[in-house]
């Protein structure tokens, strides 16, 4: 059989070949769609590494059910008194997007033993001074730069650190403001927001 005969056979059976290939495409697409929606259904689990990881969690680990308004920061603050440990919760639960939490989902809160917490304190050093220096007062902030009331309206260019400096004289106190106002994302504030300033 030469090339001419082969092409002639293909041309004569073109409609059958097209029908078979079309059916194969429909079957493949159908299988892909079914698998996609099977994985989206809430409450179902598929055998993945996450399941084996969950069975390996220690019995001392805590569980937390996500409520409306929860963020990984607020959950870490609740269990560890340290919002910066939200990354541990994200890693243990294999979350891909820390800003998207589904209400009602149960998260594993990893237990932290005292041995894993390392506190480092600097060793004080005495620095000799050859001549006594006069102690000068640091300049006081203007009264317009301080917040004395229990609320504050955000202006353009503000961030929680600056507001905490104005309210408490200490930028690290921004977490108090974030908690008091139940901010889901402390990095995102808008001009015109009125925040409660806890005292």
C-alpha atoms as a PDB file:
ATOM      1  CA  UNK A   1       0.000   0.000   0.000  1.00  0.00           C
ATOM      2  CA  UNK A   2       1.461   3.294  -0.976  1.00  0.00           C
ATOM      3  CA  UNK A   3       0.861   6.800   0.297  1.00  0.00           C
ATOM      4  CA  UNK A   4      -1.751   7.534  -2.336  1.00  0.00           C
ATOM      5  CA  UNK A   5      -3.892   4.556  -1.294  1.00  0.00           C
ATOM      6  CA  UNK A   6      -3.542   5.436   2.404  1.00  0.00           C
ATOM      7  CA  UNK A   7      -4.694   9.002   1.804  1.00  0.00           C
ATOM      8  CA  UNK A   8      -7.593   7.706  -0.298  1.00  0.00           C
ATOM      9  CA  UNK A   9      -8.676   5.377   2.557  1.00  0.00           C
ATOM     10  CA  UNK A  10      -8.466   8.248   5.070  1.00  0.00           C
ATOM     11  CA  UNK A  11     -10.486  10.497   2.790  1.00  0.00           C
ATOM     12  CA  UNK A  12     -13.200   7.863   2.349  1.00  0.00           C
ATOM     13  CA  UNK A  13     -13.420   7.208   6.133  1.00  0.00           C
ATOM     14  CA  UNK A  14     -12.998  10.836   7.188  1.00  0.00           C
ATOM     15  CA  UNK A  15     -16.435  11.118   8.807  1.00  0.00           C
ATOM     16  CA  UNK A  16     -15.943   7.942  10.884  1.00  0.00           C
ATOM     17  CA  UNK A  17     -12.479   9.023  12.034  1.00  0.00           C
ATOM     18  CA  UNK A  18     -13.845  12.463  12.981  1.00  0.00           C
ATOM     19  CA  UNK A  19     -16.683  10.877  14.940  1.00  0.00           C
ATOM     20  CA  UNK A  20     -14.286   8.608  16.877  1.00  0.00           C
ATOM     21  CA  UNK A  21     -11.866  11.445  17.659  1.00  0.00           C
ATOM     22  CA  UNK A  22     -14.761  13.713  18.662  1.00  0.00           C
ATOM     23  CA  UNK A  23     -16.112  11.044  21.010  1.00  0.00           C
ATOM     24  CA  UNK A  24     -12.652  10.656  22.589  1.00  0.00           C
ATOM     25  CA  UNK A  25     -12.422  14.418  23.171  1.00  0.00           C
ATOM     26  CA  UNK A  26     -15.883  14.483  24.777  1.00  0.00           C
ATOM     27  CA  UNK A  27     -14.985  11.556  27.068  1.00  0.00           C
ATOM     28  CA  UNK A  28     -11.684  13.146  28.153  1.00  0.00           C
ATOM     29  CA  UNK A  29     -13.346  16.510  28.844  1.00  0.00           C
ATOM     30  CA  UNK A  30     -16.155  14.772  30.750  1.00  0.00           C
ATOM     31  CA  UNK A  31     -13.687  12.923  32.984  1.00  0.00           C
ATOM     32  CA  UNK A  32     -11.806  16.163  33.674  1.00  0.00           C
ATOM     33  CA  UNK A  33     -15.009  18.029  34.593  1.00  0.00           C
ATOM     34  CA  UNK A  34     -16.187  15.240  36.911  1.00  0.00           C
ATOM     35  CA  UNK A  35     -12.802  15.165  38.675  1.00  0.00           C
ATOM     36  CA  UNK A  36     -12.801  18.951  39.018  1.00  0.00           C
ATOM     37  CA  UNK A  37     -16.234  19.097  40.653  1.00  0.00           C
ATOM     38  CA  UNK A  38     -15.543  16.054  42.818  1.00  0.00           C
ATOM     39  CA  UNK A  39     -12.578  17.918  44.347  1.00  0.00           C
ATOM     40  CA  UNK A  40     -14.642  21.076  44.924  1.00  0.00           C
ATOM     41  CA  UNK A  41     -17.436  19.453  46.919  1.00  0.00           C
ATOM     42  CA  UNK A  42     -17.220  20.604  50.591  1.00  0.00           C
ATOM     43  CA  UNK A  43     -16.910  17.910  53.197  1.00  0.00           C
ATOM     44  CA  UNK A  44     -15.218  15.371  50.948  1.00  0.00           C
ATOM     45  CA  UNK A  45     -11.610  14.452  51.250  1.00  0.00           C
ATOM     46  CA  UNK A  46      -9.269  12.923  48.768  1.00  0.00           C
ATOM     47  CA  UNK A  47      -6.318  10.742  49.678  1.00  0.00           C
ATOM     48  CA  UNK A  48      -3.452  13.240  49.759  1.00  0.00           C
ATOM     49  CA  UNK A  49      -0.415  13.954  51.857  1.00  0.00           C
ATOM     50  CA  UNK A  50      -2.574  16.233  54.014  1.00  0.00           C
ATOM     51  CA  UNK A  51      -4.490  13.255  55.402  1.00  0.00           C
ATOM     52  CA  UNK A  52      -1.346  11.404  56.401  1.00  0.00           C
ATOM     53  CA  UNK A  53      -0.035  14.602  57.944  1.00  0.00           C
ATOM     54  CA  UNK A  54      -3.186  14.985  60.022  1.00  0.00           C
ATOM     55  CA  UNK A  55      -2.863  11.484  61.412  1.00  0.00           C
ATOM     56  CA  UNK A  56       0.697  12.284  62.406  1.00  0.00           C
ATOM     57  CA  UNK A  57      -0.283  15.338  64.459  1.00  0.00           C
ATOM     58  CA  UNK A  58       0.221  14.875  68.130  1.00  0.00           C
ATOM     59  CA  UNK A  59      -2.721  14.531  70.457  1.00  0.00           C
ATOM     60  CA  UNK A  60      -1.579  17.712  72.208  1.00  0.00           C
ATOM     61  CA  UNK A  61      -2.382  19.807  69.119  1.00  0.00           C
ATOM     62  CA  UNK A  62      -5.480  21.960  69.419  1.00  0.00           C
ATOM     63  CA  UNK A  63      -8.308  22.354  66.911  1.00  0.00           C
ATOM     64  CA  UNK A  64      -9.881  25.680  65.976  1.00  0.00           C
ATOM     65  CA  UNK A  65     -13.061  26.114  63.936  1.00  0.00           C
ATOM     66  CA  UNK A  66     -12.883  29.222  61.765  1.00  0.00           C
ATOM     67  CA  UNK A  67     -15.492  31.838  62.665  1.00  0.00           C
ATOM     68  CA  UNK A  68     -16.620  34.845  60.639  1.00  0.00           C
ATOM     69  CA  UNK A  69     -13.997  37.594  60.887  1.00  0.00           C
ATOM     70  CA  UNK A  70     -11.148  35.238  61.832  1.00  0.00           C
ATOM     71  CA  UNK A  71      -7.709  35.676  60.324  1.00  0.00           C
ATOM     72  CA  UNK A  72      -4.579  33.623  60.824  1.00  0.00           C
ATOM     73  CA  UNK A  73      -3.149  36.593  62.707  1.00  0.00           C
ATOM     74  CA  UNK A  74      -6.061  36.726  65.172  1.00  0.00           C
ATOM     75  CA  UNK A  75      -6.008  32.941  65.646  1.00  0.00           C
ATOM     76  CA  UNK A  76      -2.252  32.984  66.369  1.00  0.00           C
ATOM     77  CA  UNK A  77      -2.779  35.903  68.745  1.00  0.00           C
ATOM     78  CA  UNK A  78      -5.516  33.939  70.552  1.00  0.00           C
ATOM     79  CA  UNK A  79      -3.538  30.725  71.043  1.00  0.00           C
ATOM     80  CA  UNK A  80       0.042  31.980  71.246  1.00  0.00           C
ATOM     81  CA  UNK A  81      -0.375  35.629  72.289  1.00  0.00           C
ATOM     82  CA  UNK A  82       1.794  36.342  69.262  1.00  0.00           C
ATOM     83  CA  UNK A  83       0.213  37.128  65.905  1.00  0.00           C
ATOM     84  CA  UNK A  84       3.512  36.675  64.088  1.00  0.00           C
ATOM     85  CA  UNK A  85       3.182  32.904  64.561  1.00  0.00           C
ATOM     86  CA  UNK A  86       0.366  32.742  61.992  1.00  0.00           C
ATOM     87  CA  UNK A  87       2.859  31.220  59.558  1.00  0.00           C
ATOM     88  CA  UNK A  88       3.108  28.071  61.709  1.00  0.00           C
ATOM     89  CA  UNK A  89      -0.656  27.567  61.494  1.00  0.00           C
ATOM     90  CA  UNK A  90      -0.521  28.155  57.727  1.00  0.00           C
ATOM     91  CA  UNK A  91       2.275  25.594  57.262  1.00  0.00           C
ATOM     92  CA  UNK A  92       0.714  22.860  59.422  1.00  0.00           C
ATOM     93  CA  UNK A  93      -2.645  23.177  57.656  1.00  0.00           C
ATOM     94  CA  UNK A  94      -1.013  23.492  54.208  1.00  0.00           C
ATOM     95  CA  UNK A  95      -2.975  26.648  53.344  1.00  0.00           C
ATOM     96  CA  UNK A  96      -2.117  28.194  49.992  1.00  0.00           C
ATOM     97  CA  UNK A  97      -3.651  31.639  50.606  1.00  0.00           C
ATOM     98  CA  UNK A  98      -3.506  33.008  54.134  1.00  0.00           C
ATOM     99  CA  UNK A  99      -6.139  35.651  53.377  1.00  0.00           C
ATOM    100  CA  UNK A 100      -8.823  33.143  52.334  1.00  0.00           C
ATOM    101  CA  UNK A 101     -10.288  31.236  55.293  1.00  0.00           C
ATOM    102  CA  UNK A 102     -13.509  29.258  54.929  1.00  0.00           C
ATOM    103  CA  UNK A 103     -15.947  29.716  57.797  1.00  0.00           C
ATOM    104  CA  UNK A 104     -16.548  26.418  59.611  1.00  0.00           C
ATOM    105  CA  UNK A 105     -13.276  24.806  58.531  1.00  0.00           C
ATOM    106  CA  UNK A 106     -11.292  23.188  61.311  1.00  0.00           C
ATOM    107  CA  UNK A 107      -7.627  24.179  61.662  1.00  0.00           C
ATOM    108  CA  UNK A 108      -4.928  22.327  63.580  1.00  0.00           C
ATOM    109  CA  UNK A 109      -3.157  24.608  66.051  1.00  0.00           C
ATOM    110  CA  UNK A 110       0.288  23.089  66.587  1.00  0.00           C
ATOM    111  CA  UNK A 111       1.424  22.649  70.172  1.00  0.00           C
ATOM    112  CA  UNK A 112       4.698  24.353  70.975  1.00  0.00           C
ATOM    113  CA  UNK A 113       6.844  22.873  73.702  1.00  0.00           C
ATOM    114  CA  UNK A 114       8.904  25.103  75.931  1.00  0.00           C
ATOM    115  CA  UNK A 115      12.068  23.539  74.505  1.00  0.00           C
ATOM    116  CA  UNK A 116      11.409  24.963  71.058  1.00  0.00           C
ATOM    117  CA  UNK A 117      11.148  28.525  72.329  1.00  0.00           C
ATOM    118  CA  UNK A 118      14.542  30.137  72.522  1.00  0.00           C
ATOM    119  CA  UNK A 119      14.831  33.492  74.199  1.00  0.00           C
ATOM    120  CA  UNK A 120      17.931  35.509  73.564  1.00  0.00           C
ATOM    121  CA  UNK A 121      18.816  38.429  75.767  1.00  0.00           C
ATOM    122  CA  UNK A 122      21.789  40.636  74.993  1.00  0.00           C
ATOM    123  CA  UNK A 123      24.616  40.772  77.485  1.00  0.00           C
ATOM    124  CA  UNK A 124      24.890  44.289  78.921  1.00  0.00           C
ATOM    125  CA  UNK A 125      28.269  45.885  78.407  1.00  0.00           C
ATOM    126  CA  UNK A 126      29.663  48.756  80.411  1.00  0.00           C
ATOM    127  CA  UNK A 127      30.953  51.526  78.188  1.00  0.00           C
ATOM    128  CA  UNK A 128      33.423  53.827  79.945  1.00  0.00           C
ATOM    129  CA  UNK A 129      32.945  57.521  79.376  1.00  0.00           C
ATOM    130  CA  UNK A 130      35.926  59.818  79.613  1.00  0.00           C
ATOM    131  CA  UNK A 131      33.919  62.965  80.242  1.00  0.00           C
ATOM    132  CA  UNK A 132      30.502  63.291  81.821  1.00  0.00           C
ATOM    133  CA  UNK A 133      27.822  64.296  79.354  1.00  0.00           C
ATOM    134  CA  UNK A 134      24.773  66.365  80.147  1.00  0.00           C
ATOM    135  CA  UNK A 135      21.517  64.473  79.748  1.00  0.00           C
ATOM    136  CA  UNK A 136      19.183  66.171  77.338  1.00  0.00           C
ATOM    137  CA  UNK A 137      15.479  65.581  77.057  1.00  0.00           C
ATOM    138  CA  UNK A 138      14.180  64.128  73.828  1.00  0.00           C
ATOM    139  CA  UNK A 139      11.935  66.572  72.036  1.00  0.00           C
ATOM    140  CA  UNK A 140       8.302  66.052  72.980  1.00  0.00           C
ATOM    141  CA  UNK A 141       5.819  65.331  70.241  1.00  0.00           C
ATOM    142  CA  UNK A 142       3.493  68.147  69.319  1.00  0.00           C
ATOM    143  CA  UNK A 143       0.028  67.909  70.787  1.00  0.00           C
ATOM    144  CA  UNK A 144      -1.326  67.617  67.233  1.00  0.00           C
ATOM    145  CA  UNK A 145       0.732  64.418  66.813  1.00  0.00           C
ATOM    146  CA  UNK A 146      -0.711  62.704  69.889  1.00  0.00           C
ATOM    147  CA  UNK A 147      -4.024  60.950  70.357  1.00  0.00           C
ATOM    148  CA  UNK A 148      -5.596  61.529  73.748  1.00  0.00           C
ATOM    149  CA  UNK A 149      -9.141  60.337  73.116  1.00  0.00           C
ATOM    150  CA  UNK A 150     -10.595  56.850  72.765  1.00  0.00           C
ATOM    151  CA  UNK A 151     -11.101  57.037  68.996  1.00  0.00           C
ATOM    152  CA  UNK A 152      -9.124  58.127  65.963  1.00  0.00           C
ATOM    153  CA  UNK A 153     -10.102  58.831  62.359  1.00  0.00           C
ATOM    154  CA  UNK A 154      -7.588  57.567  59.800  1.00  0.00           C
ATOM    155  CA  UNK A 155      -6.076  60.194  57.497  1.00  0.00           C
ATOM    156  CA  UNK A 156      -4.191  59.671  54.237  1.00  0.00           C
ATOM    157  CA  UNK A 157      -0.753  58.148  54.812  1.00  0.00           C
ATOM    158  CA  UNK A 158      -1.595  56.606  58.206  1.00  0.00           C
ATOM    159  CA  UNK A 159      -0.706  53.067  59.191  1.00  0.00           C
ATOM    160  CA  UNK A 160      -1.266  51.210  62.460  1.00  0.00           C
ATOM    161  CA  UNK A 161       2.356  51.731  63.539  1.00  0.00           C
ATOM    162  CA  UNK A 162       2.079  55.535  63.224  1.00  0.00           C
ATOM    163  CA  UNK A 163      -1.289  55.568  64.979  1.00  0.00           C
ATOM    164  CA  UNK A 164       0.166  53.512  67.861  1.00  0.00           C
ATOM    165  CA  UNK A 165       3.090  55.938  68.153  1.00  0.00           C
ATOM    166  CA  UNK A 166       0.638  58.850  68.332  1.00  0.00           C
ATOM    167  CA  UNK A 167      -1.619  57.070  70.848  1.00  0.00           C
ATOM    168  CA  UNK A 168       0.892  55.280  73.085  1.00  0.00           C
ATOM    169  CA  UNK A 169       4.311  56.576  72.110  1.00  0.00           C
ATOM    170  CA  UNK A 170       5.210  53.002  71.118  1.00  0.00           C
ATOM    171  CA  UNK A 171       4.699  51.620  67.616  1.00  0.00           C
ATOM    172  CA  UNK A 172       4.751  48.019  68.835  1.00  0.00           C
ATOM    173  CA  UNK A 173       1.359  48.615  70.472  1.00  0.00           C
ATOM    174  CA  UNK A 174      -0.318  48.593  67.054  1.00  0.00           C
ATOM    175  CA  UNK A 175      -1.569  45.073  67.810  1.00  0.00           C
ATOM    176  CA  UNK A 176      -3.835  46.476  70.550  1.00  0.00           C
ATOM    177  CA  UNK A 177      -5.517  48.729  68.004  1.00  0.00           C
ATOM    178  CA  UNK A 178      -5.841  45.882  65.483  1.00  0.00           C
ATOM    179  CA  UNK A 179      -7.418  43.583  68.090  1.00  0.00           C
ATOM    180  CA  UNK A 180      -9.769  46.211  69.523  1.00  0.00           C
ATOM    181  CA  UNK A 181     -11.086  46.968  66.041  1.00  0.00           C
ATOM    182  CA  UNK A 182     -11.186  43.301  64.920  1.00  0.00           C
ATOM    183  CA  UNK A 183      -9.173  44.020  61.772  1.00  0.00           C
ATOM    184  CA  UNK A 184      -9.034  41.002  59.467  1.00  0.00           C
ATOM    185  CA  UNK A 185      -5.984  42.424  57.673  1.00  0.00           C
ATOM    186  CA  UNK A 186      -4.014  44.891  59.832  1.00  0.00           C
ATOM    187  CA  UNK A 187      -2.007  45.966  56.785  1.00  0.00           C
ATOM    188  CA  UNK A 188      -5.108  47.325  55.085  1.00  0.00           C
ATOM    189  CA  UNK A 189      -6.726  50.454  56.544  1.00  0.00           C
ATOM    190  CA  UNK A 190      -8.608  53.178  54.698  1.00  0.00           C
ATOM    191  CA  UNK A 191      -8.829  56.940  55.002  1.00  0.00           C
ATOM    192  CA  UNK A 192     -11.911  57.816  57.048  1.00  0.00           C
ATOM    193  CA  UNK A 193     -11.965  54.647  59.167  1.00  0.00           C
ATOM    194  CA  UNK A 194     -12.714  55.437  62.813  1.00  0.00           C
ATOM    195  CA  UNK A 195     -10.694  53.242  65.166  1.00  0.00           C
ATOM    196  CA  UNK A 196     -11.233  52.619  68.848  1.00  0.00           C
ATOM    197  CA  UNK A 197      -8.040  53.319  70.799  1.00  0.00           C
ATOM    198  CA  UNK A 198      -7.966  51.007  73.845  1.00  0.00           C
ATOM    199  CA  UNK A 199      -6.461  52.539  76.993  1.00  0.00           C
END
